[in-house]
C-alpha atoms as a PDB file:
ATOM      1  CA  UNK A   1      43.445 -33.180   2.307  1.00  0.00           C
ATOM      2  CA  UNK A   2      39.638 -33.156   3.370  1.00  0.00           C
ATOM      3  CA  UNK A   3      40.927 -31.196   6.581  1.00  0.00           C
ATOM      4  CA  UNK A   4      42.359 -28.376   4.117  1.00  0.00           C
ATOM      5  CA  UNK A   5      38.975 -28.179   2.165  1.00  0.00           C
ATOM      6  CA  UNK A   6      36.501 -28.226   4.799  1.00  0.00           C
ATOM      7  CA  UNK A   7      37.876 -24.730   6.111  1.00  0.00           C
ATOM      8  CA  UNK A   8      37.412 -23.401   3.159  1.00  0.00           C
ATOM      9  CA  UNK A   9      33.994 -24.546   2.446  1.00  0.00           C
ATOM     10  CA  UNK A  10      33.091 -23.205   5.342  1.00  0.00           C
ATOM     11  CA  UNK A  11      34.902 -19.704   4.608  1.00  0.00           C
ATOM     12  CA  UNK A  12      32.555 -19.966   1.184  1.00  0.00           C
ATOM     13  CA  UNK A  13      29.276 -20.849   3.313  1.00  0.00           C
ATOM     14  CA  UNK A  14      29.714 -18.155   5.607  1.00  0.00           C
ATOM     15  CA  UNK A  15      30.709 -15.454   2.574  1.00  0.00           C
ATOM     16  CA  UNK A  16      27.415 -16.579   1.011  1.00  0.00           C
ATOM     17  CA  UNK A  17      25.209 -16.398   4.045  1.00  0.00           C
ATOM     18  CA  UNK A  18      26.331 -12.739   4.663  1.00  0.00           C
ATOM     19  CA  UNK A  19      25.523 -11.806   1.368  1.00  0.00           C
ATOM     20  CA  UNK A  20      22.090 -13.524   1.286  1.00  0.00           C
ATOM     21  CA  UNK A  21      21.472 -11.311   4.630  1.00  0.00           C
ATOM     22  CA  UNK A  22      18.040  -9.783   3.530  1.00  0.00           C
ATOM     23  CA  UNK A  23      17.624  -6.151   4.696  1.00  0.00           C
ATOM     24  CA  UNK A  24      14.649  -4.096   5.255  1.00  0.00           C
ATOM     25  CA  UNK A  25      14.169  -0.554   4.176  1.00  0.00           C
ATOM     26  CA  UNK A  26      11.657   2.660   3.703  1.00  0.00           C
ATOM     27  CA  UNK A  27      11.701   3.372   0.004  1.00  0.00           C
ATOM     28  CA  UNK A  28      10.846   6.943  -0.657  1.00  0.00           C
ATOM     29  CA  UNK A  29      10.654   9.019  -3.788  1.00  0.00           C
ATOM     30  CA  UNK A  30      12.905  12.074  -3.725  1.00  0.00           C
ATOM     31  CA  UNK A  31      12.349  14.334  -7.214  1.00  0.00           C
ATOM     32  CA  UNK A  32      13.394  11.761  -9.675  1.00  0.00           C
ATOM     33  CA  UNK A  33      15.189   9.151  -7.423  1.00  0.00           C
ATOM     34  CA  UNK A  34      13.835   6.243  -5.467  1.00  0.00           C
ATOM     35  CA  UNK A  35      15.849   6.129  -2.623  1.00  0.00           C
ATOM     36  CA  UNK A  36      15.987   3.272   0.293  1.00  0.00           C
ATOM     37  CA  UNK A  37      16.691   4.218   3.899  1.00  0.00           C
ATOM     38  CA  UNK A  38      17.881   1.347   6.280  1.00  0.00           C
ATOM     39  CA  UNK A  39      15.055   0.398   8.757  1.00  0.00           C
ATOM     40  CA  UNK A  40      17.897   0.722  11.497  1.00  0.00           C
ATOM     41  CA  UNK A  41      17.934   4.536  10.819  1.00  0.00           C
ATOM     42  CA  UNK A  42      14.450   5.261   9.203  1.00  0.00           C
ATOM     43  CA  UNK A  43      12.078   5.016  12.019  1.00  0.00           C
ATOM     44  CA  UNK A  44       9.436   7.386  11.359  1.00  0.00           C
ATOM     45  CA  UNK A  45       7.102   8.947   9.057  1.00  0.00           C
ATOM     46  CA  UNK A  46       5.601  12.314   9.507  1.00  0.00           C
ATOM     47  CA  UNK A  47       2.318  13.585   7.352  1.00  0.00           C
ATOM     48  CA  UNK A  48       1.822  16.809   8.957  1.00  0.00           C
ATOM     49  CA  UNK A  49       4.588  19.391   9.724  1.00  0.00           C
ATOM     50  CA  UNK A  50       5.268  23.008   9.724  1.00  0.00           C
ATOM     51  CA  UNK A  51       8.418  24.124   8.099  1.00  0.00           C
ATOM     52  CA  UNK A  52      10.653  27.052   9.950  1.00  0.00           C
ATOM     53  CA  UNK A  53      12.971  28.793   7.896  1.00  0.00           C
ATOM     54  CA  UNK A  54      16.653  29.164   8.496  1.00  0.00           C
ATOM     55  CA  UNK A  55      18.006  32.189   7.251  1.00  0.00           C
ATOM     56  CA  UNK A  56      20.857  31.824   4.705  1.00  0.00           C
ATOM     57  CA  UNK A  57      20.629  27.730   4.505  1.00  0.00           C
ATOM     58  CA  UNK A  58      21.763  26.298   0.838  1.00  0.00           C
ATOM     59  CA  UNK A  59      18.619  25.367  -1.361  1.00  0.00           C
ATOM     60  CA  UNK A  60      18.236  21.848  -0.399  1.00  0.00           C
ATOM     61  CA  UNK A  61      17.644  22.835   3.670  1.00  0.00           C
ATOM     62  CA  UNK A  62      14.222  23.609   3.557  1.00  0.00           C
ATOM     63  CA  UNK A  63      14.013  24.732   7.197  1.00  0.00           C
ATOM     64  CA  UNK A  64      13.396  23.077  10.459  1.00  0.00           C
ATOM     65  CA  UNK A  65      10.664  20.763  11.826  1.00  0.00           C
ATOM     66  CA  UNK A  66       9.200  19.993  15.176  1.00  0.00           C
ATOM     67  CA  UNK A  67       8.989  16.220  15.491  1.00  0.00           C
ATOM     68  CA  UNK A  68       7.978  15.072  18.735  1.00  0.00           C
ATOM     69  CA  UNK A  69       9.806  17.694  20.519  1.00  0.00           C
ATOM     70  CA  UNK A  70      12.865  17.739  18.848  1.00  0.00           C
ATOM     71  CA  UNK A  71      13.671  20.524  16.187  1.00  0.00           C
ATOM     72  CA  UNK A  72      15.302  18.586  13.606  1.00  0.00           C
ATOM     73  CA  UNK A  73      16.655  19.836   9.981  1.00  0.00           C
ATOM     74  CA  UNK A  74      14.759  18.784   6.778  1.00  0.00           C
ATOM     75  CA  UNK A  75      16.686  17.870   3.959  1.00  0.00           C
ATOM     76  CA  UNK A  76      15.356  17.903   0.141  1.00  0.00           C
ATOM     77  CA  UNK A  77      17.544  15.224  -1.384  1.00  0.00           C
ATOM     78  CA  UNK A  78      15.930  16.109  -4.812  1.00  0.00           C
ATOM     79  CA  UNK A  79      18.008  19.462  -4.596  1.00  0.00           C
ATOM     80  CA  UNK A  80      20.962  18.385  -2.909  1.00  0.00           C
ATOM     81  CA  UNK A  81      21.562  15.605  -5.397  1.00  0.00           C
ATOM     82  CA  UNK A  82      20.918  18.263  -8.187  1.00  0.00           C
ATOM     83  CA  UNK A  83      17.229  17.548  -9.626  1.00  0.00           C
ATOM     84  CA  UNK A  84      16.989  20.350 -12.100  1.00  0.00           C
ATOM     85  CA  UNK A  85      14.011  19.009 -13.811  1.00  0.00           C
ATOM     86  CA  UNK A  86      10.497  20.733 -12.655  1.00  0.00           C
ATOM     87  CA  UNK A  87       9.109  19.242  -9.332  1.00  0.00           C
ATOM     88  CA  UNK A  88       5.851  17.487 -10.469  1.00  0.00           C
ATOM     89  CA  UNK A  89       4.810  17.119  -6.753  1.00  0.00           C
ATOM     90  CA  UNK A  90       3.665  20.992  -6.270  1.00  0.00           C
ATOM     91  CA  UNK A  91       0.499  20.582  -4.493  1.00  0.00           C
ATOM     92  CA  UNK A  92       1.116  16.844  -3.826  1.00  0.00           C
ATOM     93  CA  UNK A  93       1.259  15.780  -0.214  1.00  0.00           C
ATOM     94  CA  UNK A  94       4.709  15.869   1.219  1.00  0.00           C
ATOM     95  CA  UNK A  95       5.703  13.627   4.028  1.00  0.00           C
ATOM     96  CA  UNK A  96       9.197  13.476   6.265  1.00  0.00           C
ATOM     97  CA  UNK A  97      11.201  10.370   6.609  1.00  0.00           C
ATOM     98  CA  UNK A  98      12.765  11.063  10.069  1.00  0.00           C
ATOM     99  CA  UNK A  99      15.572   9.019  11.485  1.00  0.00           C
ATOM    100  CA  UNK A 100      18.392   9.425  14.032  1.00  0.00           C
ATOM    101  CA  UNK A 101      15.853  10.259  16.931  1.00  0.00           C
ATOM    102  CA  UNK A 102      16.687   7.055  18.943  1.00  0.00           C
ATOM    103  CA  UNK A 103      19.925   6.254  20.943  1.00  0.00           C
ATOM    104  CA  UNK A 104      23.384   7.744  19.687  1.00  0.00           C
ATOM    105  CA  UNK A 105      22.183   9.321  17.061  1.00  0.00           C
ATOM    106  CA  UNK A 106      19.737  11.636  18.644  1.00  0.00           C
ATOM    107  CA  UNK A 107      21.636  14.651  17.958  1.00  0.00           C
ATOM    108  CA  UNK A 108      22.314  13.907  14.471  1.00  0.00           C
ATOM    109  CA  UNK A 109      18.391  13.331  13.624  1.00  0.00           C
ATOM    110  CA  UNK A 110      17.416  14.632  10.246  1.00  0.00           C
ATOM    111  CA  UNK A 111      14.173  14.747   8.174  1.00  0.00           C
ATOM    112  CA  UNK A 112      14.026  13.898   4.400  1.00  0.00           C
ATOM    113  CA  UNK A 113      10.829  15.735   2.420  1.00  0.00           C
ATOM    114  CA  UNK A 114       9.603  13.059   0.109  1.00  0.00           C
ATOM    115  CA  UNK A 115       6.273  12.635  -1.889  1.00  0.00           C
ATOM    116  CA  UNK A 116       3.709  10.090  -2.071  1.00  0.00           C
ATOM    117  CA  UNK A 117       3.838   7.114   0.089  1.00  0.00           C
ATOM    118  CA  UNK A 118       6.737   5.277   1.403  1.00  0.00           C
ATOM    119  CA  UNK A 119       7.325   1.877  -0.005  1.00  0.00           C
ATOM    120  CA  UNK A 120       8.709  -1.472   2.603  1.00  0.00           C
ATOM    121  CA  UNK A 121      11.575  -2.986   1.137  1.00  0.00           C
ATOM    122  CA  UNK A 122      12.789  -6.299   2.078  1.00  0.00           C
ATOM    123  CA  UNK A 123      15.527  -7.205  -0.481  1.00  0.00           C
ATOM    124  CA  UNK A 124      19.103  -8.266  -1.272  1.00  0.00           C
ATOM    125  CA  UNK A 125      21.490  -5.579  -1.948  1.00  0.00           C
ATOM    126  CA  UNK A 126      22.800  -5.824  -5.761  1.00  0.00           C
ATOM    127  CA  UNK A 127      25.829  -3.881  -7.195  1.00  0.00           C
ATOM    128  CA  UNK A 128      24.522  -0.554  -8.885  1.00  0.00           C
ATOM    129  CA  UNK A 129      25.444  -1.131 -12.666  1.00  0.00           C
ATOM    130  CA  UNK A 130      24.937   2.023 -13.735  1.00  0.00           C
ATOM    131  CA  UNK A 131      27.143   4.716 -11.413  1.00  0.00           C
ATOM    132  CA  UNK A 132      27.840   7.146 -14.060  1.00  0.00           C
ATOM    133  CA  UNK A 133      24.519   8.138 -14.554  1.00  0.00           C
ATOM    134  CA  UNK A 134      24.266   9.419 -11.115  1.00  0.00           C
ATOM    135  CA  UNK A 135      25.123  13.087  -9.931  1.00  0.00           C
ATOM    136  CA  UNK A 136      28.607  13.130  -7.951  1.00  0.00           C
ATOM    137  CA  UNK A 137      26.769  13.707  -4.746  1.00  0.00           C
ATOM    138  CA  UNK A 138      24.465  10.722  -4.939  1.00  0.00           C
ATOM    139  CA  UNK A 139      27.258   8.161  -6.158  1.00  0.00           C
ATOM    140  CA  UNK A 140      29.136   9.313  -3.168  1.00  0.00           C
ATOM    141  CA  UNK A 141      26.360   8.103  -0.450  1.00  0.00           C
ATOM    142  CA  UNK A 142      24.994   5.211  -2.690  1.00  0.00           C
ATOM    143  CA  UNK A 143      25.969   1.521  -1.386  1.00  0.00           C
ATOM    144  CA  UNK A 144      23.955  -0.548  -4.085  1.00  0.00           C
ATOM    145  CA  UNK A 145      20.639  -1.170  -5.130  1.00  0.00           C
ATOM    146  CA  UNK A 146      17.296  -2.466  -3.630  1.00  0.00           C
ATOM    147  CA  UNK A 147      14.244  -3.685  -5.612  1.00  0.00           C
ATOM    148  CA  UNK A 148      10.699  -3.516  -4.552  1.00  0.00           C
ATOM    149  CA  UNK A 149       8.075  -6.312  -5.279  1.00  0.00           C
ATOM    150  CA  UNK A 150       7.522  -5.186  -8.867  1.00  0.00           C
ATOM    151  CA  UNK A 151      11.166  -4.592  -9.958  1.00  0.00           C
ATOM    152  CA  UNK A 152      11.581  -1.167  -9.538  1.00  0.00           C
ATOM    153  CA  UNK A 153      15.300  -0.143  -8.559  1.00  0.00           C
ATOM    154  CA  UNK A 154      15.889   2.034  -5.360  1.00  0.00           C
ATOM    155  CA  UNK A 155      19.323   3.210  -4.601  1.00  0.00           C
ATOM    156  CA  UNK A 156      20.189   2.209  -1.139  1.00  0.00           C
ATOM    157  CA  UNK A 157      21.830   5.251   0.499  1.00  0.00           C
ATOM    158  CA  UNK A 158      24.221   5.195   3.128  1.00  0.00           C
ATOM    159  CA  UNK A 159      22.848   7.257   5.923  1.00  0.00           C
ATOM    160  CA  UNK A 160      26.266   7.995   7.863  1.00  0.00           C
ATOM    161  CA  UNK A 161      27.832   9.066   4.651  1.00  0.00           C
ATOM    162  CA  UNK A 162      25.174  11.194   3.894  1.00  0.00           C
ATOM    163  CA  UNK A 163      25.374  13.162   7.026  1.00  0.00           C
ATOM    164  CA  UNK A 164      28.786  13.555   7.004  1.00  0.00           C
ATOM    165  CA  UNK A 165      28.855  14.984   3.503  1.00  0.00           C
ATOM    166  CA  UNK A 166      25.690  17.663   4.422  1.00  0.00           C
ATOM    167  CA  UNK A 167      27.736  18.192   7.394  1.00  0.00           C
ATOM    168  CA  UNK A 168      30.649  19.309   5.673  1.00  0.00           C
ATOM    169  CA  UNK A 169      28.884  21.464   3.347  1.00  0.00           C
ATOM    170  CA  UNK A 170      27.102  23.419   5.894  1.00  0.00           C
ATOM    171  CA  UNK A 171      30.435  23.779   7.753  1.00  0.00           C
ATOM    172  CA  UNK A 172      31.720  25.546   4.671  1.00  0.00           C
ATOM    173  CA  UNK A 173      28.643  28.423   4.698  1.00  0.00           C
END
């Protein structure tokens, strides 16, 4: 009987250790949303940038910017997720969170506009307890919740899913 329980204990211990994996992310504010992007993807913060307009682009595609010699699309996730609230960031320093410039994703690099300073997040993902309160687009890309050291919730974003949805929408134009 002890032989049967030992493998099960090992399975349970293995499951708990994967759940307990601590994650690292950049936390940024996009409109009313606090969002977390894995450090595996979110590699660079750009403080100064110039936007070049993209004709007939949707309102959430602000334009493109030159980041270290790479032309990357600049996305406003507050607009993409449907933030209709007046933007209090007018006149506030906007920055870019850039990801995908390294390795295999280099052709899929994007920049996300945000305000304020990024937050370093070291967390364990928890389940989202209020998915119905999120706009549909945000719910589709949210994997869970990360908390900062002060207990503020950041929605953990699945960047692969987000890029796929953005691409699909642009293909329809």
